[in-house]
Amino acid sequence: MATFASNFSSCGFVQESIETEMVQTDEGEIWVNFWAVWEGTIASNREKLEMPVHLTAQFVKGKIVKEHAYYNTSEIIAAMVAISVMQTDTTKTP
């Protein structure tokens, strides 16, 4: 079974896009926010995709106890479906 990352020849966060902040809520909770652009190049066709990402994590005694992730994978899913359809079409025999 292929992993998500195995579909990409390269992927990761664009370093220049990374922003972080730590906040303390009125209730004393500590949260760390992370914003960045994830970028990946599809291995089979070299198509480059970008996806904005926001993560927020609550820390208690130095450990993450809650995490929320916000991103839209629709462009990546559409690209993977298109590749799958192309591969299926080329394996069909008349």
PDB file of N, CA and C in Angstrom:
ATOM      1  N   MET A   1       0.837  -1.180   0.000  1.00  0.00           N
ATOM      2  CA  MET A   1       0.000   0.000   0.000  1.00  0.00           C
ATOM      3  C   MET A   1       0.886   1.249   0.000  1.00  0.00           C
ATOM      4  N   ALA A   2       0.635   2.124  -0.949  1.00  0.00           N
ATOM      5  CA  ALA A   2       1.427   3.353  -1.062  1.00  0.00           C
ATOM      6  C   ALA A   2       1.002   4.363   0.001  1.00  0.00           C
ATOM      7  N   THR A   3       1.965   5.095   0.485  1.00  0.00           N
ATOM      8  CA  THR A   3       1.660   6.164   1.426  1.00  0.00           C
ATOM      9  C   THR A   3       1.384   7.443   0.655  1.00  0.00           C
ATOM     10  N   PHE A   4       0.750   8.397   1.308  1.00  0.00           N
ATOM     11  CA  PHE A   4       0.460   9.684   0.691  1.00  0.00           C
ATOM     12  C   PHE A   4       1.736  10.306   0.142  1.00  0.00           C
ATOM     13  N   ALA A   5       2.779  10.347   0.942  1.00  0.00           N
ATOM     14  CA  ALA A   5       4.036  10.998   0.554  1.00  0.00           C
ATOM     15  C   ALA A   5       4.698  10.308  -0.633  1.00  0.00           C
ATOM     16  N   SER A   6       4.446   9.018  -0.840  1.00  0.00           N
ATOM     17  CA  SER A   6       5.096   8.307  -1.949  1.00  0.00           C
ATOM     18  C   SER A   6       4.611   8.790  -3.313  1.00  0.00           C
ATOM     19  N   ASN A   7       3.517   9.551  -3.355  1.00  0.00           N
ATOM     20  CA  ASN A   7       3.026  10.121  -4.612  1.00  0.00           C
ATOM     21  C   ASN A   7       3.810  11.351  -5.048  1.00  0.00           C
ATOM     22  N   PHE A   8       4.702  11.830  -4.191  1.00  0.00           N
ATOM     23  CA  PHE A   8       5.409  13.076  -4.444  1.00  0.00           C
ATOM     24  C   PHE A   8       6.910  12.840  -4.554  1.00  0.00           C
ATOM     25  N   SER A   9       7.535  13.522  -5.525  1.00  0.00           N
ATOM     26  CA  SER A   9       8.989  13.444  -5.636  1.00  0.00           C
ATOM     27  C   SER A   9       9.632  14.368  -4.607  1.00  0.00           C
ATOM     28  N   SER A  10       8.895  15.392  -4.195  1.00  0.00           N
ATOM     29  CA  SER A  10       9.347  16.259  -3.116  1.00  0.00           C
ATOM     30  C   SER A  10       8.117  16.885  -2.467  1.00  0.00           C
ATOM     31  N   CYS A  11       8.215  17.184  -1.191  1.00  0.00           N
ATOM     32  CA  CYS A  11       7.123  17.871  -0.502  1.00  0.00           C
ATOM     33  C   CYS A  11       7.637  18.417   0.827  1.00  0.00           C
ATOM     34  N   GLY A  12       6.979  19.459   1.280  1.00  0.00           N
ATOM     35  CA  GLY A  12       7.347  20.054   2.554  1.00  0.00           C
ATOM     36  C   GLY A  12       6.826  21.476   2.645  1.00  0.00           C
ATOM     37  N   PHE A  13       7.122  22.125   3.748  1.00  0.00           N
ATOM     38  CA  PHE A  13       6.679  23.492   3.955  1.00  0.00           C
ATOM     39  C   PHE A  13       7.670  24.473   3.329  1.00  0.00           C
ATOM     40  N   VAL A  14       7.135  25.494   2.687  1.00  0.00           N
ATOM     41  CA  VAL A  14       7.955  26.564   2.133  1.00  0.00           C
ATOM     42  C   VAL A  14       8.490  27.366   3.321  1.00  0.00           C
ATOM     43  N   GLN A  15       9.800  27.337   3.519  1.00  0.00           N
ATOM     44  CA  GLN A  15      10.412  27.942   4.709  1.00  0.00           C
ATOM     45  C   GLN A  15      10.043  29.408   4.895  1.00  0.00           C
ATOM     46  N   GLU A  16      10.000  30.167   3.807  1.00  0.00           N
ATOM     47  CA  GLU A  16       9.702  31.597   3.897  1.00  0.00           C
ATOM     48  C   GLU A  16       8.262  31.870   4.323  1.00  0.00           C
ATOM     49  N   SER A  17       7.395  30.853   4.242  1.00  0.00           N
ATOM     50  CA  SER A  17       5.981  31.047   4.565  1.00  0.00           C
ATOM     51  C   SER A  17       5.651  30.728   6.022  1.00  0.00           C
ATOM     52  N   ILE A  18       6.590  30.163   6.759  1.00  0.00           N
ATOM     53  CA  ILE A  18       6.308  29.688   8.114  1.00  0.00           C
ATOM     54  C   ILE A  18       6.206  30.846   9.102  1.00  0.00           C
ATOM     55  N   GLU A  19       5.094  30.854   9.834  1.00  0.00           N
ATOM     56  CA  GLU A  19       4.899  31.809  10.925  1.00  0.00           C
ATOM     57  C   GLU A  19       4.363  31.044  12.124  1.00  0.00           C
ATOM     58  N   THR A  20       4.835  31.400  13.305  1.00  0.00           N
ATOM     59  CA  THR A  20       4.368  30.765  14.528  1.00  0.00           C
ATOM     60  C   THR A  20       4.118  31.817  15.598  1.00  0.00           C
ATOM     61  N   GLU A  21       3.266  31.451  16.541  1.00  0.00           N
ATOM     62  CA  GLU A  21       3.069  32.301  17.716  1.00  0.00           C
ATOM     63  C   GLU A  21       2.599  31.424  18.869  1.00  0.00           C
ATOM     64  N   MET A  22       2.947  31.820  20.063  1.00  0.00           N
ATOM     65  CA  MET A  22       2.454  31.158  21.268  1.00  0.00           C
ATOM     66  C   MET A  22       1.569  32.151  21.987  1.00  0.00           C
ATOM     67  N   VAL A  23       0.395  31.687  22.415  1.00  0.00           N
ATOM     68  CA  VAL A  23      -0.538  32.558  23.122  1.00  0.00           C
ATOM     69  C   VAL A  23      -0.980  31.886  24.411  1.00  0.00           C
ATOM     70  N   GLN A  24      -1.355  32.715  25.370  1.00  0.00           N
ATOM     71  CA  GLN A  24      -1.943  32.216  26.613  1.00  0.00           C
ATOM     72  C   GLN A  24      -3.345  32.796  26.694  1.00  0.00           C
ATOM     73  N   THR A  25      -4.338  31.918  26.838  1.00  0.00           N
ATOM     74  CA  THR A  25      -5.721  32.363  26.892  1.00  0.00           C
ATOM     75  C   THR A  25      -6.025  32.967  28.261  1.00  0.00           C
ATOM     76  N   ASP A  26      -7.183  33.609  28.382  1.00  0.00           N
ATOM     77  CA  ASP A  26      -7.618  34.170  29.666  1.00  0.00           C
ATOM     78  C   ASP A  26      -7.751  33.086  30.737  1.00  0.00           C
ATOM     79  N   GLU A  27      -7.968  31.837  30.301  1.00  0.00           N
ATOM     80  CA  GLU A  27      -8.084  30.707  31.231  1.00  0.00           C
ATOM     81  C   GLU A  27      -6.728  30.095  31.564  1.00  0.00           C
ATOM     82  N   GLY A  28      -5.642  30.655  31.014  1.00  0.00           N
ATOM     83  CA  GLY A  28      -4.298  30.167  31.304  1.00  0.00           C
ATOM     84  C   GLY A  28      -3.824  29.048  30.398  1.00  0.00           C
ATOM     85  N   GLU A  29      -4.606  28.698  29.378  1.00  0.00           N
ATOM     86  CA  GLU A  29      -4.187  27.664  28.433  1.00  0.00           C
ATOM     87  C   GLU A  29      -3.087  28.219  27.520  1.00  0.00           C
ATOM     88  N   ILE A  30      -2.116  27.352  27.195  1.00  0.00           N
ATOM     89  CA  ILE A  30      -1.037  27.710  26.282  1.00  0.00           C
ATOM     90  C   ILE A  30      -1.305  27.035  24.938  1.00  0.00           C
ATOM     91  N   TRP A  31      -1.367  27.845  23.886  1.00  0.00           N
ATOM     92  CA  TRP A  31      -1.578  27.350  22.528  1.00  0.00           C
ATOM     93  C   TRP A  31      -0.455  27.863  21.633  1.00  0.00           C
ATOM     94  N   VAL A  32      -0.012  27.015  20.712  1.00  0.00           N
ATOM     95  CA  VAL A  32       0.968  27.416  19.707  1.00  0.00           C
ATOM     96  C   VAL A  32       0.289  27.307  18.346  1.00  0.00           C
ATOM     97  N   ASN A  33       0.351  28.398  17.588  1.00  0.00           N
ATOM     98  CA  ASN A  33      -0.232  28.454  16.247  1.00  0.00           C
ATOM     99  C   ASN A  33       0.874  28.401  15.205  1.00  0.00           C
ATOM    100  N   PHE A  34       0.587  27.730  14.099  1.00  0.00           N
ATOM    101  CA  PHE A  34       1.542  27.548  13.003  1.00  0.00           C
ATOM    102  C   PHE A  34       0.800  27.787  11.695  1.00  0.00           C
ATOM    103  N   TRP A  35       1.363  28.655  10.867  1.00  0.00           N
ATOM    104  CA  TRP A  35       0.843  28.892   9.525  1.00  0.00           C
ATOM    105  C   TRP A  35       1.968  28.676   8.537  1.00  0.00           C
ATOM    106  N   ALA A  36       1.648  28.072   7.402  1.00  0.00           N
ATOM    107  CA  ALA A  36       2.667  27.878   6.364  1.00  0.00           C
ATOM    108  C   ALA A  36       1.985  27.466   5.069  1.00  0.00           C
ATOM    109  N   VAL A  37       2.782  27.418   4.019  1.00  0.00           N
ATOM    110  CA  VAL A  37       2.338  26.883   2.737  1.00  0.00           C
ATOM    111  C   VAL A  37       3.060  25.557   2.540  1.00  0.00           C
ATOM    112  N   TRP A  38       2.280  24.498   2.331  1.00  0.00           N
ATOM    113  CA  TRP A  38       2.827  23.185   2.006  1.00  0.00           C
ATOM    114  C   TRP A  38       2.922  23.114   0.489  1.00  0.00           C
ATOM    115  N   GLU A  39       4.019  22.576   0.008  1.00  0.00           N
ATOM    116  CA  GLU A  39       4.242  22.477  -1.431  1.00  0.00           C
ATOM    117  C   GLU A  39       4.700  21.063  -1.759  1.00  0.00           C
ATOM    118  N   GLY A  40       4.154  20.503  -2.823  1.00  0.00           N
ATOM    119  CA  GLY A  40       4.563  19.171  -3.244  1.00  0.00           C
ATOM    120  C   GLY A  40       4.614  19.062  -4.755  1.00  0.00           C
ATOM    121  N   THR A  41       5.506  18.230  -5.260  1.00  0.00           N
ATOM    122  CA  THR A  41       5.612  17.956  -6.687  1.00  0.00           C
ATOM    123  C   THR A  41       5.220  16.503  -6.904  1.00  0.00           C
ATOM    124  N   ILE A  42       4.182  16.293  -7.703  1.00  0.00           N
ATOM    125  CA  ILE A  42       3.700  14.934  -7.969  1.00  0.00           C
ATOM    126  C   ILE A  42       4.760  14.185  -8.772  1.00  0.00           C
ATOM    127  N   ALA A  43       5.097  12.994  -8.314  1.00  0.00           N
ATOM    128  CA  ALA A  43       6.183  12.223  -8.926  1.00  0.00           C
ATOM    129  C   ALA A  43       5.881  11.838 -10.373  1.00  0.00           C
ATOM    130  N   SER A  44       4.656  11.456 -10.672  1.00  0.00           N
ATOM    131  CA  SER A  44       4.356  10.914 -12.005  1.00  0.00           C
ATOM    132  C   SER A  44       4.264  11.960 -13.107  1.00  0.00           C
ATOM    133  N   ASN A  45       3.923  13.209 -12.774  1.00  0.00           N
ATOM    134  CA  ASN A  45       3.755  14.210 -13.838  1.00  0.00           C
ATOM    135  C   ASN A  45       4.439  15.551 -13.545  1.00  0.00           C
ATOM    136  N   ARG A  46       5.129  15.642 -12.427  1.00  0.00           N
ATOM    137  CA  ARG A  46       5.873  16.838 -12.013  1.00  0.00           C
ATOM    138  C   ARG A  46       4.993  18.066 -11.779  1.00  0.00           C
ATOM    139  N   GLU A  47       3.687  17.852 -11.596  1.00  0.00           N
ATOM    140  CA  GLU A  47       2.789  18.959 -11.285  1.00  0.00           C
ATOM    141  C   GLU A  47       3.085  19.447  -9.867  1.00  0.00           C
ATOM    142  N   LYS A  48       3.191  20.764  -9.724  1.00  0.00           N
ATOM    143  CA  LYS A  48       3.482  21.350  -8.414  1.00  0.00           C
ATOM    144  C   LYS A  48       2.173  21.830  -7.794  1.00  0.00           C
ATOM    145  N   LEU A  49       1.949  21.452  -6.544  1.00  0.00           N
ATOM    146  CA  LEU A  49       0.746  21.849  -5.819  1.00  0.00           C
ATOM    147  C   LEU A  49       1.140  22.621  -4.565  1.00  0.00           C
ATOM    148  N   GLU A  50       0.292  23.584  -4.176  1.00  0.00           N
ATOM    149  CA  GLU A  50       0.495  24.337  -2.942  1.00  0.00           C
ATOM    150  C   GLU A  50      -0.776  24.296  -2.118  1.00  0.00           C
ATOM    151  N   MET A  51      -0.614  24.275  -0.804  1.00  0.00           N
ATOM    152  CA  MET A  51      -1.759  24.226   0.090  1.00  0.00           C
ATOM    153  C   MET A  51      -1.448  25.022   1.356  1.00  0.00           C
ATOM    154  N   PRO A  52      -2.214  26.080   1.636  1.00  0.00           N
ATOM    155  CA  PRO A  52      -2.033  26.792   2.897  1.00  0.00           C
ATOM    156  C   PRO A  52      -2.445  25.889   4.064  1.00  0.00           C
ATOM    157  N   VAL A  53      -1.717  25.970   5.162  1.00  0.00           N
ATOM    158  CA  VAL A  53      -1.960  25.119   6.333  1.00  0.00           C
ATOM    159  C   VAL A  53      -1.967  25.975   7.589  1.00  0.00           C
ATOM    160  N   HIS A  54      -2.900  25.660   8.492  1.00  0.00           N
ATOM    161  CA  HIS A  54      -2.890  26.275   9.827  1.00  0.00           C
ATOM    162  C   HIS A  54      -3.037  25.151  10.846  1.00  0.00           C
ATOM    163  N   LEU A  55      -2.112  25.095  11.784  1.00  0.00           N
ATOM    164  CA  LEU A  55      -2.171  24.135  12.889  1.00  0.00           C
ATOM    165  C   LEU A  55      -2.197  24.919  14.190  1.00  0.00           C
ATOM    166  N   THR A  56      -2.937  24.421  15.151  1.00  0.00           N
ATOM    167  CA  THR A  56      -2.908  25.019  16.484  1.00  0.00           C
ATOM    168  C   THR A  56      -2.896  23.888  17.504  1.00  0.00           C
ATOM    169  N   ALA A  57      -2.029  23.997  18.480  1.00  0.00           N
ATOM    170  CA  ALA A  57      -1.861  22.919  19.453  1.00  0.00           C
ATOM    171  C   ALA A  57      -1.843  23.497  20.862  1.00  0.00           C
ATOM    172  N   GLN A  58      -2.557  22.799  21.755  1.00  0.00           N
ATOM    173  CA  GLN A  58      -2.554  23.192  23.165  1.00  0.00           C
ATOM    174  C   GLN A  58      -1.493  22.373  23.886  1.00  0.00           C
ATOM    175  N   PHE A  59      -0.696  23.052  24.697  1.00  0.00           N
ATOM    176  CA  PHE A  59       0.362  22.412  25.463  1.00  0.00           C
ATOM    177  C   PHE A  59       0.033  22.442  26.950  1.00  0.00           C
ATOM    178  N   VAL A  60       0.264  21.320  27.618  1.00  0.00           N
ATOM    179  CA  VAL A  60       0.185  21.223  29.065  1.00  0.00           C
ATOM    180  C   VAL A  60       1.452  20.516  29.538  1.00  0.00           C
ATOM    181  N   LYS A  61       2.200  21.156  30.403  1.00  0.00           N
ATOM    182  CA  LYS A  61       3.464  20.618  30.919  1.00  0.00           C
ATOM    183  C   LYS A  61       4.392  20.195  29.780  1.00  0.00           C
ATOM    184  N   GLY A  62       4.450  21.028  28.736  1.00  0.00           N
ATOM    185  CA  GLY A  62       5.367  20.781  27.630  1.00  0.00           C
ATOM    186  C   GLY A  62       4.928  19.720  26.636  1.00  0.00           C
ATOM    187  N   LYS A  63       3.715  19.193  26.778  1.00  0.00           N
ATOM    188  CA  LYS A  63       3.230  18.152  25.859  1.00  0.00           C
ATOM    189  C   LYS A  63       1.946  18.617  25.187  1.00  0.00           C
ATOM    190  N   ILE A  64       1.786  18.228  23.919  1.00  0.00           N
ATOM    191  CA  ILE A  64       0.568  18.554  23.193  1.00  0.00           C
ATOM    192  C   ILE A  64      -0.574  17.696  23.715  1.00  0.00           C
ATOM    193  N   VAL A  65      -1.671  18.355  24.114  1.00  0.00           N
ATOM    194  CA  VAL A  65      -2.853  17.636  24.600  1.00  0.00           C
ATOM    195  C   VAL A  65      -4.046  17.782  23.655  1.00  0.00           C
ATOM    196  N   LYS A  66      -4.017  18.807  22.800  1.00  0.00           N
ATOM    197  CA  LYS A  66      -5.051  19.005  21.770  1.00  0.00           C
ATOM    198  C   LYS A  66      -4.370  19.593  20.550  1.00  0.00           C
ATOM    199  N   GLU A  67      -4.870  19.182  19.383  1.00  0.00           N
ATOM    200  CA  GLU A  67      -4.337  19.763  18.154  1.00  0.00           C
ATOM    201  C   GLU A  67      -5.468  19.876  17.137  1.00  0.00           C
ATOM    202  N   HIS A  68      -5.491  20.974  16.424  1.00  0.00           N
ATOM    203  CA  HIS A  68      -6.458  21.185  15.346  1.00  0.00           C
ATOM    204  C   HIS A  68      -5.672  21.566  14.098  1.00  0.00           C
ATOM    205  N   ALA A  69      -6.057  20.977  12.962  1.00  0.00           N
ATOM    206  CA  ALA A  69      -5.372  21.252  11.702  1.00  0.00           C
ATOM    207  C   ALA A  69      -6.403  21.712  10.681  1.00  0.00           C
ATOM    208  N   TYR A  70      -6.055  22.767   9.969  1.00  0.00           N
ATOM    209  CA  TYR A  70      -6.956  23.341   8.979  1.00  0.00           C
ATOM    210  C   TYR A  70      -6.225  23.464   7.650  1.00  0.00           C
ATOM    211  N   TYR A  71      -6.744  22.769   6.639  1.00  0.00           N
ATOM    212  CA  TYR A  71      -6.188  22.833   5.293  1.00  0.00           C
ATOM    213  C   TYR A  71      -7.204  22.247   4.333  1.00  0.00           C
ATOM    214  N   ASN A  72      -7.063  22.574   3.060  1.00  0.00           N
ATOM    215  CA  ASN A  72      -7.988  22.125   2.034  1.00  0.00           C
ATOM    216  C   ASN A  72      -7.231  21.220   1.065  1.00  0.00           C
ATOM    217  N   THR A  73      -7.520  19.943   1.096  1.00  0.00           N
ATOM    218  CA  THR A  73      -6.805  18.978   0.251  1.00  0.00           C
ATOM    219  C   THR A  73      -7.488  18.731  -1.097  1.00  0.00           C
ATOM    220  N   SER A  74      -8.530  19.495  -1.426  1.00  0.00           N
ATOM    221  CA  SER A  74      -9.309  19.207  -2.639  1.00  0.00           C
ATOM    222  C   SER A  74      -8.449  19.239  -3.916  1.00  0.00           C
ATOM    223  N   GLU A  75      -7.506  20.167  -4.018  1.00  0.00           N
ATOM    224  CA  GLU A  75      -6.653  20.245  -5.203  1.00  0.00           C
ATOM    225  C   GLU A  75      -5.762  19.005  -5.311  1.00  0.00           C
ATOM    226  N   ILE A  76      -5.252  18.547  -4.190  1.00  0.00           N
ATOM    227  CA  ILE A  76      -4.401  17.352  -4.181  1.00  0.00           C
ATOM    228  C   ILE A  76      -5.221  16.115  -4.539  1.00  0.00           C
ATOM    229  N   ILE A  77      -6.397  15.986  -3.957  1.00  0.00           N
ATOM    230  CA  ILE A  77      -7.260  14.837  -4.244  1.00  0.00           C
ATOM    231  C   ILE A  77      -7.649  14.824  -5.717  1.00  0.00           C
ATOM    232  N   ALA A  78      -8.014  15.998  -6.266  1.00  0.00           N
ATOM    233  CA  ALA A  78      -8.378  16.069  -7.688  1.00  0.00           C
ATOM    234  C   ALA A  78      -7.211  15.641  -8.573  1.00  0.00           C
ATOM    235  N   ALA A  79      -6.008  16.049  -8.243  1.00  0.00           N
ATOM    236  CA  ALA A  79      -4.829  15.659  -9.024  1.00  0.00           C
ATOM    237  C   ALA A  79      -4.599  14.154  -8.938  1.00  0.00           C
ATOM    238  N   MET A  80      -4.760  13.573  -7.757  1.00  0.00           N
ATOM    239  CA  MET A  80      -4.565  12.127  -7.589  1.00  0.00           C
ATOM    240  C   MET A  80      -5.640  11.335  -8.338  1.00  0.00           C
ATOM    241  N   VAL A  81      -6.883  11.830  -8.317  1.00  0.00           N
ATOM    242  CA  VAL A  81      -7.971  11.166  -9.046  1.00  0.00           C
ATOM    243  C   VAL A  81      -7.681  11.223 -10.540  1.00  0.00           C
ATOM    244  N   ALA A  82      -7.248  12.365 -11.056  1.00  0.00           N
ATOM    245  CA  ALA A  82      -6.933  12.501 -12.484  1.00  0.00           C
ATOM    246  C   ALA A  82      -5.835  11.525 -12.895  1.00  0.00           C
ATOM    247  N   ILE A  83      -4.824  11.374 -12.072  1.00  0.00           N
ATOM    248  CA  ILE A  83      -3.744  10.421 -12.369  1.00  0.00           C
ATOM    249  C   ILE A  83      -4.283   8.996 -12.376  1.00  0.00           C
ATOM    250  N   SER A  84      -5.115   8.676 -11.405  1.00  0.00           N
ATOM    251  CA  SER A  84      -5.697   7.338 -11.312  1.00  0.00           C
ATOM    252  C   SER A  84      -6.559   7.026 -12.540  1.00  0.00           C
ATOM    253  N   VAL A  85      -7.346   8.004 -12.976  1.00  0.00           N
ATOM    254  CA  VAL A  85      -8.192   7.817 -14.156  1.00  0.00           C
ATOM    255  C   VAL A  85      -7.322   7.592 -15.388  1.00  0.00           C
ATOM    256  N   MET A  86      -6.264   8.377 -15.548  1.00  0.00           N
ATOM    257  CA  MET A  86      -5.360   8.204 -16.696  1.00  0.00           C
ATOM    258  C   MET A  86      -4.726   6.818 -16.685  1.00  0.00           C
ATOM    259  N   GLN A  87      -4.305   6.351 -15.506  1.00  0.00           N
ATOM    260  CA  GLN A  87      -3.673   5.039 -15.413  1.00  0.00           C
ATOM    261  C   GLN A  87      -4.683   3.941 -15.719  1.00  0.00           C
ATOM    262  N   THR A  88      -5.909   4.095 -15.259  1.00  0.00           N
ATOM    263  CA  THR A  88      -6.953   3.113 -15.518  1.00  0.00           C
ATOM    264  C   THR A  88      -7.284   3.064 -17.009  1.00  0.00           C
ATOM    265  N   ASP A  89      -7.394   4.241 -17.639  1.00  0.00           N
ATOM    266  CA  ASP A  89      -7.723   4.310 -19.063  1.00  0.00           C
ATOM    267  C   ASP A  89      -6.647   3.653 -19.907  1.00  0.00           C
ATOM    268  N   THR A  90      -5.388   3.748 -19.539  1.00  0.00           N
ATOM    269  CA  THR A  90      -4.316   3.168 -20.349  1.00  0.00           C
ATOM    270  C   THR A  90      -4.202   1.661 -20.143  1.00  0.00           C
ATOM    271  N   THR A  91      -4.801   1.134 -19.084  1.00  0.00           N
ATOM    272  CA  THR A  91      -4.707  -0.318 -18.846  1.00  0.00           C
ATOM    273  C   THR A  91      -5.903  -1.063 -19.405  1.00  0.00           C
ATOM    274  N   LYS A  92      -6.929  -0.340 -19.854  1.00  0.00           N
ATOM    275  CA  LYS A  92      -8.106  -0.988 -20.438  1.00  0.00           C
ATOM    276  C   LYS A  92      -7.775  -1.520 -21.840  1.00  0.00           C
ATOM    277  N   THR A  93      -8.356  -2.667 -22.162  1.00  0.00           N
ATOM    278  CA  THR A  93      -8.177  -3.201 -23.509  1.00  0.00           C
ATOM    279  C   THR A  93      -9.509  -3.138 -24.239  1.00  0.00           C
ATOM    280  N   PRO A  94      -9.492  -2.826 -25.520  1.00  0.00           N
ATOM    281  CA  PRO A  94     -10.755  -2.706 -26.269  1.00  0.00           C
ATOM    282  C   PRO A  94     -11.445  -4.033 -26.459  1.00  0.00           C
TER     283      PRO A  94
END
